[in-house]
Amino acid sequence: MHNKTTKTDLINWGNTNEWLILSLLIFIAGLIAKLPFIFNIDPEWFYPRNIGSIIFPILISYISWRNKANLYDWGRFMILALIPIIYLNLLPGGDESHTFFLAFTHALILFISIYGYVFIGGNWKTNNKRISFLHYCGDLVVLSGLILISGGLFTVTTLGLFEMIGFEVEDFYFENFAVWGLPAIPLLASFLILNNSNIVSKISPIIAKIFTPLVFIILLVFSIAANFSDKDVFADRELLLLFNLIILLLWH
C-alpha cells in the first residue's frame, strides 16, 4: 500500500512564525482600512487617498522580514512610503481632478518602485533580480484577482443566503469582513507565491483551501440564524436547493 500525493499536499503553507507575522500585518492593514468607520471619516474621501497606505506598507514589511532586513533599513523604507501617503492626504481638491489623478498615479509608481527595491534586496543592477520581480508581479496580479473573484462569489452567496431568511447583513458584512479581508488579499497572495514555485498550476487547491473553512463557518452561522427567522426554511425550495448546492461544493 502506498500513500497518494495530491496537488494540495505539494502546497507550502509556511511555518508558524510566518503565519504570526502575516496575522499581525493583516490586522494592521485591516485596522487602517477600518479608520473611516472608527473616526467617522468619509469613506469616499479616505479610500482613494489611502489605498497605497493600506497595501504597500504591509507588503514592504513582509518582504523586509523575509529578506531579514534590519530595523534601520525597514524604517527608511517606511519613511519613503509615508511621503506619498502624506502628500495625497494633504492634497486639496476632489478625487476627480486632474491634479489628484496625476498625484495618485505618481504615488503608485513610487510605491511600486520602493517595493521593488525592497523585493530585490537593493540589488537593482542584477538582471535576474529585476526579472524575478516582474515575474512575481505578474503572478501577484493573477492570484490576487482569482482570490478576489472567489471572494466576490463567496460574498454574493453569503448575502443571498441570509437575505432569503429575512436578515439584512450587508452593512455589517462589509464593515467587518470585507474591510478586513480585502487588504489581506495581496499579502496572502505574496505569501503563497514566495513559498510556492509554479504557483499557477496550484491555484485550484489553493482557492479551495482558503475558502472551504470560510464557507463552513458561514453555513454554521446561517444554520443557527435560520432558527430565529420568521420564514419556514424547510418550505423554501430555492433556499434548500442553494443550501444543498453549497454543501455539495464544499464536500468536493
Protein backbone atom coordinates (compact mmCIF):
# COMPACT_ATOMS: atom_id res chain seq x y z
CA MET A 1 0.00 0.00 0.00
CA HIS A 2 1.39 3.43 -0.90
CA ASN A 3 0.47 7.00 0.01
CA LYS A 4 -1.19 9.04 -2.71
CA THR A 5 0.18 12.57 -3.15
CA THR A 6 -2.23 15.25 -4.29
CA LYS A 7 -1.67 18.78 -5.53
CA THR A 8 -2.85 20.14 -2.20
CA ASP A 9 -0.08 18.18 -0.45
CA LEU A 10 2.50 19.94 -2.62
CA ILE A 11 1.49 23.41 -1.47
CA ASN A 12 3.85 25.00 1.02
CA TRP A 13 1.78 26.84 3.64
CA GLY A 14 4.76 28.24 5.55
CA ASN A 15 5.52 27.86 9.23
CA THR A 16 4.10 29.14 12.50
CA ASN A 17 6.38 32.19 12.69
CA GLU A 18 5.40 33.29 9.20
CA TRP A 19 1.71 32.95 9.99
CA LEU A 20 2.19 35.04 13.13
CA ILE A 21 3.80 37.79 11.03
CA LEU A 22 1.03 37.53 8.43
CA SER A 23 -1.67 37.73 11.09
CA LEU A 24 -0.10 40.82 12.63
CA LEU A 25 0.28 42.58 9.26
CA ILE A 26 -3.27 41.67 8.20
CA PHE A 27 -4.56 43.07 11.48
CA ILE A 28 -2.64 46.34 10.95
CA ALA A 29 -3.87 46.67 7.35
CA GLY A 30 -7.45 45.97 8.41
CA LEU A 31 -7.17 48.49 11.22
CA ILE A 32 -6.03 51.19 8.75
CA ALA A 33 -8.88 50.26 6.39
CA LYS A 34 -11.30 50.47 9.34
CA LEU A 35 -10.33 54.06 10.25
CA PRO A 36 -13.26 55.72 8.37
CA PHE A 37 -15.73 53.72 10.46
CA ILE A 38 -13.85 54.31 13.72
CA PHE A 39 -13.37 58.08 13.33
CA ASN A 40 -16.40 58.83 11.13
CA ILE A 41 -14.33 59.80 8.08
CA ASP A 42 -15.98 59.92 4.67
CA PRO A 43 -15.01 56.58 3.00
CA GLU A 44 -15.27 58.13 -0.48
CA TRP A 45 -12.61 60.66 0.55
CA PHE A 46 -10.43 58.27 2.57
CA TYR A 47 -10.01 55.20 0.36
CA PRO A 48 -8.86 56.84 -2.91
CA ARG A 49 -6.13 58.64 -0.95
CA ASN A 50 -5.08 55.70 1.21
CA ILE A 51 -5.19 52.58 -0.94
CA GLY A 52 -1.40 52.69 -1.03
CA SER A 53 -1.10 53.21 2.72
CA ILE A 54 -3.29 50.15 3.34
CA ILE A 55 -1.49 47.76 0.98
CA PHE A 56 2.14 48.72 0.40
CA PRO A 57 3.47 49.26 3.96
CA ILE A 58 2.42 45.75 4.96
CA LEU A 59 3.87 44.28 1.76
CA ILE A 60 7.13 46.16 2.32
CA SER A 61 7.20 44.99 5.95
CA TYR A 62 6.57 41.37 4.94
CA ILE A 63 9.30 41.35 2.28
CA SER A 64 11.69 43.13 4.66
CA TRP A 65 11.05 40.39 7.22
CA ARG A 66 11.63 37.65 4.63
CA ASN A 67 14.85 39.32 3.48
CA LYS A 68 15.98 39.69 7.11
CA ALA A 69 16.36 43.46 6.73
CA ASN A 70 17.39 45.31 9.88
CA LEU A 71 15.16 47.85 11.63
CA TYR A 72 17.13 50.77 10.21
CA ASP A 73 16.56 49.71 6.60
CA TRP A 74 12.91 48.90 7.30
CA GLY A 75 12.48 52.36 8.88
CA ARG A 76 13.97 54.03 5.79
CA PHE A 77 11.53 52.18 3.54
CA MET A 78 8.61 53.19 5.75
CA ILE A 79 9.65 56.85 5.71
CA LEU A 80 9.85 56.79 1.91
CA ALA A 81 6.40 55.19 1.75
CA LEU A 82 4.99 57.86 4.07
CA ILE A 83 5.89 60.68 1.65
CA PRO A 84 3.20 59.91 -0.98
CA ILE A 85 0.71 58.96 1.76
CA ILE A 86 1.06 62.34 3.48
CA TYR A 87 1.04 64.23 0.19
CA LEU A 88 -2.16 62.58 -1.06
CA ASN A 89 -3.97 63.22 2.23
CA LEU A 90 -2.96 66.89 2.25
CA LEU A 91 -3.77 67.42 -1.43
CA PRO A 92 -6.75 69.80 -1.84
CA GLY A 93 -9.47 69.32 -4.41
CA GLY A 94 -11.75 66.46 -5.34
CA ASP A 95 -10.84 62.95 -6.40
CA GLU A 96 -11.95 63.65 -9.97
CA SER A 97 -9.48 66.47 -10.55
CA HIS A 98 -6.53 66.04 -12.93
CA THR A 99 -4.15 67.04 -10.15
CA PHE A 100 -5.32 64.22 -7.92
CA PHE A 101 -5.14 61.71 -10.78
CA LEU A 102 -1.54 62.68 -11.58
CA ALA A 103 -0.57 62.64 -7.90
CA PHE A 104 -2.20 59.23 -7.36
CA THR A 105 -0.51 57.78 -10.47
CA HIS A 106 2.94 59.02 -9.47
CA ALA A 107 2.39 57.86 -5.88
CA LEU A 108 1.54 54.38 -7.17
CA ILE A 109 4.73 54.34 -9.26
CA LEU A 110 6.73 55.42 -6.21
CA PHE A 111 5.12 52.71 -4.06
CA ILE A 112 5.91 50.02 -6.63
CA SER A 113 9.48 51.31 -7.01
CA ILE A 114 10.09 51.19 -3.25
CA TYR A 115 8.53 47.75 -3.04
CA GLY A 116 10.62 46.52 -5.97
CA TYR A 117 13.80 47.85 -4.38
CA VAL A 118 12.97 46.04 -1.13
CA PHE A 119 12.00 42.87 -3.02
CA ILE A 120 15.33 42.58 -4.85
CA GLY A 121 17.26 43.45 -1.71
CA GLY A 122 18.77 46.60 -3.18
CA ASN A 123 20.48 44.69 -6.00
CA TRP A 124 18.83 46.73 -8.74
CA LYS A 125 21.78 46.24 -11.12
CA THR A 126 21.23 42.46 -11.23
CA ASN A 127 19.11 41.45 -14.23
CA ASN A 128 17.92 38.20 -12.68
CA LYS A 129 16.60 40.05 -9.64
CA ARG A 130 14.66 42.53 -11.78
CA ILE A 131 13.22 39.74 -13.93
CA SER A 132 12.21 37.80 -10.81
CA PHE A 133 10.36 40.86 -9.52
CA LEU A 134 8.49 41.29 -12.83
CA HIS A 135 7.55 37.61 -12.80
CA TYR A 136 6.38 37.94 -9.20
CA CYS A 137 4.24 40.98 -10.10
CA GLY A 138 2.52 39.02 -12.86
CA ASP A 139 1.77 36.12 -10.51
CA LEU A 140 0.61 38.58 -7.85
CA VAL A 141 -1.92 40.20 -10.19
CA VAL A 142 -3.26 36.82 -11.37
CA LEU A 143 -3.52 35.18 -7.95
CA SER A 144 -4.91 38.31 -6.24
CA GLY A 145 -7.52 38.60 -9.00
CA LEU A 146 -8.60 34.98 -8.62
CA ILE A 147 -8.84 35.28 -4.83
CA LEU A 148 -10.84 38.49 -5.28
CA ILE A 149 -13.24 36.81 -7.73
CA SER A 150 -13.65 33.84 -5.38
CA GLY A 151 -14.25 36.24 -2.50
CA GLY A 152 -16.86 38.07 -4.56
CA LEU A 153 -18.73 34.83 -5.23
CA PHE A 154 -18.45 33.94 -1.55
CA THR A 155 -19.86 37.37 -0.62
CA VAL A 156 -22.79 37.16 -3.04
CA THR A 157 -23.65 33.67 -1.80
CA THR A 158 -23.42 34.69 1.86
CA LEU A 159 -25.58 37.80 1.46
CA GLY A 160 -28.08 35.86 -0.64
CA LEU A 161 -28.43 33.12 1.95
CA PHE A 162 -29.14 35.50 4.81
CA GLU A 163 -31.48 37.64 2.69
CA MET A 164 -33.59 34.56 1.96
CA ILE A 165 -34.29 34.09 5.67
CA GLY A 166 -35.02 37.78 6.22
CA PHE A 167 -31.69 39.04 7.63
CA GLU A 168 -30.10 42.15 6.08
CA VAL A 169 -26.40 41.78 6.84
CA GLU A 170 -24.84 43.84 4.03
CA ASP A 171 -23.61 46.75 6.17
CA PHE A 172 -22.33 44.51 8.94
CA TYR A 173 -20.61 42.20 6.45
CA PHE A 174 -18.82 44.94 4.50
CA GLU A 175 -17.81 46.94 7.57
CA ASN A 176 -16.47 43.96 9.49
CA PHE A 177 -15.44 41.32 6.96
CA ALA A 178 -14.78 42.95 3.60
CA VAL A 179 -12.84 45.84 5.15
CA TRP A 180 -10.51 43.35 6.85
CA GLY A 181 -10.44 40.81 4.03
CA LEU A 182 -9.67 42.99 1.00
CA PRO A 183 -6.33 44.39 2.29
CA ALA A 184 -5.25 40.85 3.15
CA ILE A 185 -5.54 39.62 -0.45
CA PRO A 186 -2.22 40.93 -1.89
CA LEU A 187 -0.35 39.94 1.27
CA LEU A 188 -1.80 36.43 1.24
CA ALA A 189 -1.09 36.13 -2.50
CA SER A 190 2.52 37.25 -1.93
CA PHE A 191 2.95 34.69 0.83
CA LEU A 192 1.70 31.90 -1.44
CA ILE A 193 3.79 33.00 -4.44
CA LEU A 194 7.02 33.30 -2.47
CA ASN A 195 6.52 29.91 -0.83
CA ASN A 196 5.50 28.03 -3.96
CA SER A 197 7.12 27.82 -7.38
CA ASN A 198 4.88 27.39 -10.42
CA ILE A 199 2.03 28.83 -8.41
CA VAL A 200 -0.35 28.98 -11.40
CA SER A 201 -0.57 25.18 -11.58
CA LYS A 202 -1.65 25.07 -7.93
CA ILE A 203 -4.33 27.76 -7.98
CA SER A 204 -7.36 25.47 -7.70
CA PRO A 205 -6.31 23.67 -4.50
CA ILE A 206 -5.13 26.97 -3.02
CA ILE A 207 -8.52 28.64 -3.60
CA ALA A 208 -10.28 25.60 -2.16
CA LYS A 209 -8.01 25.56 0.89
CA ILE A 210 -8.64 29.24 1.61
CA PHE A 211 -12.41 29.37 1.17
CA THR A 212 -13.52 25.93 2.43
CA PRO A 213 -13.22 26.87 6.14
CA LEU A 214 -14.86 30.26 5.46
CA VAL A 215 -17.84 28.61 3.76
CA PHE A 216 -18.13 26.15 6.63
CA ILE A 217 -18.20 28.99 9.18
CA ILE A 218 -20.83 30.91 7.19
CA LEU A 219 -23.02 27.81 6.86
CA LEU A 220 -22.71 27.18 10.59
CA VAL A 221 -23.75 30.77 11.40
CA PHE A 222 -26.54 30.55 8.82
CA SER A 223 -27.85 27.33 10.36
CA ILE A 224 -28.02 28.99 13.77
CA ALA A 225 -29.60 32.20 12.41
CA ALA A 226 -32.21 30.20 10.48
CA ASN A 227 -33.71 29.05 13.81
CA PHE A 228 -34.53 32.69 14.64
CA SER A 229 -36.02 33.53 11.24
CA ASP A 230 -39.73 34.11 10.70
CA LYS A 231 -39.55 32.19 7.42
CA ASP A 232 -40.02 28.44 7.12
CA VAL A 233 -36.64 27.41 5.81
CA PHE A 234 -37.71 23.85 5.01
CA ALA A 235 -40.63 25.07 2.89
CA ASP A 236 -38.49 27.33 0.66
CA ARG A 237 -37.39 25.17 -2.28
CA GLU A 238 -34.99 27.77 -3.69
CA LEU A 239 -33.25 28.16 -0.35
CA LEU A 240 -32.97 24.41 0.18
CA LEU A 241 -31.61 23.95 -3.33
CA LEU A 242 -28.99 26.67 -2.82
CA PHE A 243 -28.07 25.30 0.61
CA ASN A 244 -27.63 21.75 -0.74
CA LEU A 245 -25.59 23.03 -3.68
CA ILE A 246 -23.19 24.85 -1.35
CA ILE A 247 -22.81 21.76 0.82
CA LEU A 248 -22.10 19.67 -2.29
CA LEU A 249 -19.45 22.10 -3.48
CA LEU A 250 -17.93 22.26 0.00
CA TRP A 251 -17.81 18.46 0.17
CA HIS A 252 -15.97 18.24 -3.15
